[in-house]
Amino acid sequence: MEEKKPLTHAITDDVAIKIKKIIDGNYQQAALGTIDDKGLPIVTKVIPMNYNNTIYLLISDLSEHTKNLNINPNASLYFAQEETHKIKSNNPRLTLQGKFKKLELKKDDPSFQILLQKYNKVEPGSKMWGMFTDFNFYAFKEQKKIFVEGFGKAYQGDT
């Protein structure tokens, strides 16, 4: 019997550096995948921030994806880099799977204010709307990553 070859490669140090650059902001679009109360997936655009090796989202408790996270914290983050290749499937992208947890911080808490200051550098204007009562920070705990650099260049790793 012929041995099956894995579809993905292990993440090397060089690939880990590329992944870190994406997480640090070298992406064109990012999306959050959550599961609703009926078990159906939904994907929404988000602006992640990597600070001290933790990914944070500043999101409204009124939004559908946040309601979903409060029911089921399992989620995925998808990062798409700029599409420079004519064949769209050859453009790099990264998917992270894991769990989100709401940070129970008051708006005047120094930890909240530091996160908000850092987040405002990623998403200008968030310093104002981040103070709205329905906006909170959620921290992501990664469990798995899949990085596709292009055709035949897929890497996977568990945390």
C-alpha atoms as a PDB file:
ATOM      1  CA  MET A   1       0.000   0.000   0.000  1.00  0.00           C
ATOM      2  CA  GLU A   2       1.193   3.458  -0.876  1.00  0.00           C
ATOM      3  CA  GLU A   3       1.847   5.731   2.084  1.00  0.00           C
ATOM      4  CA  LYS A   4      -0.297   8.856   2.138  1.00  0.00           C
ATOM      5  CA  LYS A   5       1.669  12.084   2.108  1.00  0.00           C
ATOM      6  CA  PRO A   6       0.411  14.820   4.429  1.00  0.00           C
ATOM      7  CA  LEU A   7      -1.338  17.707   2.691  1.00  0.00           C
ATOM      8  CA  THR A   8       0.405  20.243   4.887  1.00  0.00           C
ATOM      9  CA  HIS A   9       3.982  20.773   6.005  1.00  0.00           C
ATOM     10  CA  ALA A  10       5.253  21.467   9.505  1.00  0.00           C
ATOM     11  CA  ILE A  11       5.805  25.122  10.317  1.00  0.00           C
ATOM     12  CA  THR A  12       9.497  25.943  10.034  1.00  0.00           C
ATOM     13  CA  ASP A  13      11.241  28.916  11.660  1.00  0.00           C
ATOM     14  CA  ASP A  14      11.118  30.815   8.340  1.00  0.00           C
ATOM     15  CA  VAL A  15       7.396  30.176   7.969  1.00  0.00           C
ATOM     16  CA  ALA A  16       6.812  31.157  11.615  1.00  0.00           C
ATOM     17  CA  ILE A  17       8.411  34.543  10.873  1.00  0.00           C
ATOM     18  CA  LYS A  18       6.045  35.048   7.912  1.00  0.00           C
ATOM     19  CA  ILE A  19       3.060  34.118  10.091  1.00  0.00           C
ATOM     20  CA  LYS A  20       4.161  36.526  12.836  1.00  0.00           C
ATOM     21  CA  LYS A  21       4.402  39.372  10.292  1.00  0.00           C
ATOM     22  CA  ILE A  22       0.828  38.688   9.175  1.00  0.00           C
ATOM     23  CA  ILE A  23      -0.477  38.625  12.755  1.00  0.00           C
ATOM     24  CA  ASP A  24       1.446  41.830  13.473  1.00  0.00           C
ATOM     25  CA  GLY A  25      -0.524  43.646  10.767  1.00  0.00           C
ATOM     26  CA  ASN A  26       0.855  42.612   7.376  1.00  0.00           C
ATOM     27  CA  TYR A  27      -2.553  41.687   5.953  1.00  0.00           C
ATOM     28  CA  GLN A  28      -5.119  43.354   3.730  1.00  0.00           C
ATOM     29  CA  GLN A  29      -8.301  41.919   5.258  1.00  0.00           C
ATOM     30  CA  ALA A  30      -9.148  39.955   8.384  1.00  0.00           C
ATOM     31  CA  ALA A  31     -12.315  38.073   9.222  1.00  0.00           C
ATOM     32  CA  LEU A  32     -13.796  36.371  12.255  1.00  0.00           C
ATOM     33  CA  GLY A  33     -15.691  33.100  11.928  1.00  0.00           C
ATOM     34  CA  THR A  34     -18.194  32.274  14.662  1.00  0.00           C
ATOM     35  CA  ILE A  35     -21.082  29.844  15.158  1.00  0.00           C
ATOM     36  CA  ASP A  36     -24.574  31.161  15.903  1.00  0.00           C
ATOM     37  CA  ASP A  37     -27.167  29.708  18.281  1.00  0.00           C
ATOM     38  CA  LYS A  38     -28.557  27.531  15.470  1.00  0.00           C
ATOM     39  CA  GLY A  39     -25.123  26.033  14.753  1.00  0.00           C
ATOM     40  CA  LEU A  40     -24.645  28.027  11.557  1.00  0.00           C
ATOM     41  CA  PRO A  41     -21.361  29.747  10.727  1.00  0.00           C
ATOM     42  CA  ILE A  42     -21.036  33.459  10.096  1.00  0.00           C
ATOM     43  CA  VAL A  43     -17.961  35.365   8.919  1.00  0.00           C
ATOM     44  CA  THR A  44     -17.503  39.074   9.603  1.00  0.00           C
ATOM     45  CA  LYS A  45     -14.754  41.597   8.984  1.00  0.00           C
ATOM     46  CA  VAL A  46     -12.681  42.474  12.063  1.00  0.00           C
ATOM     47  CA  ILE A  47      -9.561  44.438  12.942  1.00  0.00           C
ATOM     48  CA  PRO A  48      -7.303  42.235  15.103  1.00  0.00           C
ATOM     49  CA  MET A  49      -4.457  43.654  17.147  1.00  0.00           C
ATOM     50  CA  ASN A  50      -1.452  41.648  18.269  1.00  0.00           C
ATOM     51  CA  TYR A  51      -0.057  43.063  21.496  1.00  0.00           C
ATOM     52  CA  ASN A  52       2.376  41.210  23.780  1.00  0.00           C
ATOM     53  CA  ASN A  53       1.822  38.043  21.698  1.00  0.00           C
ATOM     54  CA  THR A  54      -1.929  38.041  22.290  1.00  0.00           C
ATOM     55  CA  ILE A  55      -4.483  38.843  19.618  1.00  0.00           C
ATOM     56  CA  TYR A  56      -7.245  41.187  20.724  1.00  0.00           C
ATOM     57  CA  LEU A  57     -10.487  42.351  19.171  1.00  0.00           C
ATOM     58  CA  LEU A  58     -12.338  45.468  20.273  1.00  0.00           C
ATOM     59  CA  ILE A  59     -15.917  44.576  19.418  1.00  0.00           C
ATOM     60  CA  SER A  60     -19.450  45.569  20.350  1.00  0.00           C
ATOM     61  CA  ASP A  61     -21.545  43.320  22.558  1.00  0.00           C
ATOM     62  CA  LEU A  62     -24.463  44.242  20.264  1.00  0.00           C
ATOM     63  CA  SER A  63     -22.924  42.623  17.164  1.00  0.00           C
ATOM     64  CA  GLU A  64     -23.893  39.192  15.923  1.00  0.00           C
ATOM     65  CA  HIS A  65     -20.363  37.776  16.112  1.00  0.00           C
ATOM     66  CA  THR A  66     -19.957  38.911  19.745  1.00  0.00           C
ATOM     67  CA  LYS A  67     -23.279  37.369  20.731  1.00  0.00           C
ATOM     68  CA  ASN A  68     -22.052  34.165  19.086  1.00  0.00           C
ATOM     69  CA  LEU A  69     -18.745  34.269  21.013  1.00  0.00           C
ATOM     70  CA  ASN A  70     -20.649  34.641  24.276  1.00  0.00           C
ATOM     71  CA  ILE A  71     -22.587  31.442  23.448  1.00  0.00           C
ATOM     72  CA  ASN A  72     -19.653  29.544  21.944  1.00  0.00           C
ATOM     73  CA  PRO A  73     -16.118  30.967  22.340  1.00  0.00           C
ATOM     74  CA  ASN A  74     -14.716  28.719  19.595  1.00  0.00           C
ATOM     75  CA  ALA A  75     -13.818  30.814  16.570  1.00  0.00           C
ATOM     76  CA  SER A  76     -11.430  31.285  13.703  1.00  0.00           C
ATOM     77  CA  LEU A  77      -9.542  34.324  12.489  1.00  0.00           C
ATOM     78  CA  TYR A  78      -8.712  34.594   8.798  1.00  0.00           C
ATOM     79  CA  PHE A  79      -6.044  36.921   7.449  1.00  0.00           C
ATOM     80  CA  ALA A  80      -5.709  37.572   3.714  1.00  0.00           C
ATOM     81  CA  GLN A  81      -2.606  39.253   2.393  1.00  0.00           C
ATOM     82  CA  GLU A  82      -2.656  41.534  -0.619  1.00  0.00           C
ATOM     83  CA  GLU A  83      -3.534  39.665  -3.803  1.00  0.00           C
ATOM     84  CA  THR A  84      -0.488  40.086  -6.000  1.00  0.00           C
ATOM     85  CA  HIS A  85      -0.788  36.825  -7.960  1.00  0.00           C
ATOM     86  CA  LYS A  86      -2.972  36.592 -11.047  1.00  0.00           C
ATOM     87  CA  ILE A  87      -4.151  33.164  -9.874  1.00  0.00           C
ATOM     88  CA  LYS A  88      -6.042  34.148  -6.729  1.00  0.00           C
ATOM     89  CA  SER A  89      -5.524  30.788  -4.987  1.00  0.00           C
ATOM     90  CA  ASN A  90      -1.761  31.467  -4.983  1.00  0.00           C
ATOM     91  CA  ASN A  91      -2.083  34.443  -2.649  1.00  0.00           C
ATOM     92  CA  PRO A  92      -0.989  33.931   0.988  1.00  0.00           C
ATOM     93  CA  ARG A  93      -3.559  33.539   3.752  1.00  0.00           C
ATOM     94  CA  LEU A  94      -3.600  32.473   7.370  1.00  0.00           C
ATOM     95  CA  THR A  95      -6.318  30.854   9.465  1.00  0.00           C
ATOM     96  CA  LEU A  96      -6.102  30.626  13.239  1.00  0.00           C
ATOM     97  CA  GLN A  97      -8.466  28.489  15.290  1.00  0.00           C
ATOM     98  CA  GLY A  98      -9.031  28.915  18.999  1.00  0.00           C
ATOM     99  CA  LYS A  99     -11.178  30.540  21.664  1.00  0.00           C
ATOM    100  CA  PHE A 100     -12.056  34.115  22.568  1.00  0.00           C
ATOM    101  CA  LYS A 101     -12.546  35.371  26.092  1.00  0.00           C
ATOM    102  CA  LYS A 102     -14.084  38.696  27.047  1.00  0.00           C
ATOM    103  CA  LEU A 103     -11.836  40.810  29.242  1.00  0.00           C
ATOM    104  CA  GLU A 104     -13.827  42.086  32.204  1.00  0.00           C
ATOM    105  CA  LEU A 105     -12.210  45.525  32.369  1.00  0.00           C
ATOM    106  CA  LYS A 106     -13.783  48.828  33.336  1.00  0.00           C
ATOM    107  CA  LYS A 107     -13.179  51.706  30.917  1.00  0.00           C
ATOM    108  CA  ASP A 108     -11.007  53.549  33.453  1.00  0.00           C
ATOM    109  CA  ASP A 109      -8.891  50.473  34.231  1.00  0.00           C
ATOM    110  CA  PRO A 110      -5.259  51.185  33.230  1.00  0.00           C
ATOM    111  CA  SER A 111      -5.120  47.834  31.391  1.00  0.00           C
ATOM    112  CA  PHE A 112      -8.144  48.803  29.275  1.00  0.00           C
ATOM    113  CA  GLN A 113      -6.650  52.229  28.563  1.00  0.00           C
ATOM    114  CA  ILE A 114      -3.313  50.720  27.452  1.00  0.00           C
ATOM    115  CA  LEU A 115      -5.100  48.286  25.128  1.00  0.00           C
ATOM    116  CA  LEU A 116      -7.264  51.090  23.754  1.00  0.00           C
ATOM    117  CA  GLN A 117      -4.215  53.298  23.134  1.00  0.00           C
ATOM    118  CA  LYS A 118      -2.449  50.446  21.286  1.00  0.00           C
ATOM    119  CA  TYR A 119      -5.614  49.529  19.369  1.00  0.00           C
ATOM    120  CA  ASN A 120      -6.093  53.126  18.236  1.00  0.00           C
ATOM    121  CA  LYS A 121      -2.748  52.836  16.417  1.00  0.00           C
ATOM    122  CA  VAL A 122      -4.151  49.857  14.475  1.00  0.00           C
ATOM    123  CA  GLU A 123      -7.621  51.342  13.954  1.00  0.00           C
ATOM    124  CA  PRO A 124      -7.594  55.161  14.197  1.00  0.00           C
ATOM    125  CA  GLY A 125     -10.778  56.505  15.739  1.00  0.00           C
ATOM    126  CA  SER A 126     -11.281  53.528  18.035  1.00  0.00           C
ATOM    127  CA  LYS A 127     -10.132  55.602  21.010  1.00  0.00           C
ATOM    128  CA  MET A 128     -13.513  57.348  20.846  1.00  0.00           C
ATOM    129  CA  TRP A 129     -15.912  54.494  20.067  1.00  0.00           C
ATOM    130  CA  GLY A 130     -13.975  52.045  22.238  1.00  0.00           C
ATOM    131  CA  MET A 131     -15.249  54.023  25.234  1.00  0.00           C
ATOM    132  CA  PHE A 132     -18.887  53.230  24.341  1.00  0.00           C
ATOM    133  CA  THR A 133     -20.375  50.940  27.004  1.00  0.00           C
ATOM    134  CA  ASP A 134     -21.071  48.098  24.555  1.00  0.00           C
ATOM    135  CA  PHE A 135     -17.447  47.824  23.315  1.00  0.00           C
ATOM    136  CA  ASN A 136     -15.077  45.435  25.042  1.00  0.00           C
ATOM    137  CA  PHE A 137     -11.789  43.722  24.384  1.00  0.00           C
ATOM    138  CA  TYR A 138     -11.727  40.013  23.680  1.00  0.00           C
ATOM    139  CA  ALA A 139      -8.487  38.016  23.884  1.00  0.00           C
ATOM    140  CA  PHE A 140      -7.792  35.100  21.541  1.00  0.00           C
ATOM    141  CA  LYS A 141      -6.178  31.834  22.697  1.00  0.00           C
ATOM    142  CA  GLU A 142      -4.828  30.108  19.604  1.00  0.00           C
ATOM    143  CA  GLN A 143      -5.053  26.322  19.296  1.00  0.00           C
ATOM    144  CA  LYS A 144      -4.212  25.710  15.637  1.00  0.00           C
ATOM    145  CA  LYS A 145      -2.864  27.604  12.642  1.00  0.00           C
ATOM    146  CA  ILE A 146      -2.991  26.925   8.918  1.00  0.00           C
ATOM    147  CA  PHE A 147      -0.858  29.069   6.638  1.00  0.00           C
ATOM    148  CA  VAL A 148      -1.228  28.745   2.870  1.00  0.00           C
ATOM    149  CA  GLU A 149       1.559  30.568   1.099  1.00  0.00           C
ATOM    150  CA  GLY A 150       0.454  29.439  -2.348  1.00  0.00           C
ATOM    151  CA  PHE A 151      -0.287  26.337  -4.379  1.00  0.00           C
ATOM    152  CA  GLY A 152       1.371  23.315  -2.718  1.00  0.00           C
ATOM    153  CA  LYS A 153       2.712  25.464   0.108  1.00  0.00           C
ATOM    154  CA  ALA A 154       0.445  24.766   3.069  1.00  0.00           C
ATOM    155  CA  TYR A 155       1.676  24.653   6.656  1.00  0.00           C
ATOM    156  CA  GLN A 156      -0.101  23.601   9.794  1.00  0.00           C
ATOM    157  CA  GLY A 157       0.694  23.647  13.482  1.00  0.00           C
ATOM    158  CA  ASP A 158      -1.024  23.082  16.794  1.00  0.00           C
ATOM    159  CA  THR A 159      -0.294  25.216  19.803  1.00  0.00           C
END
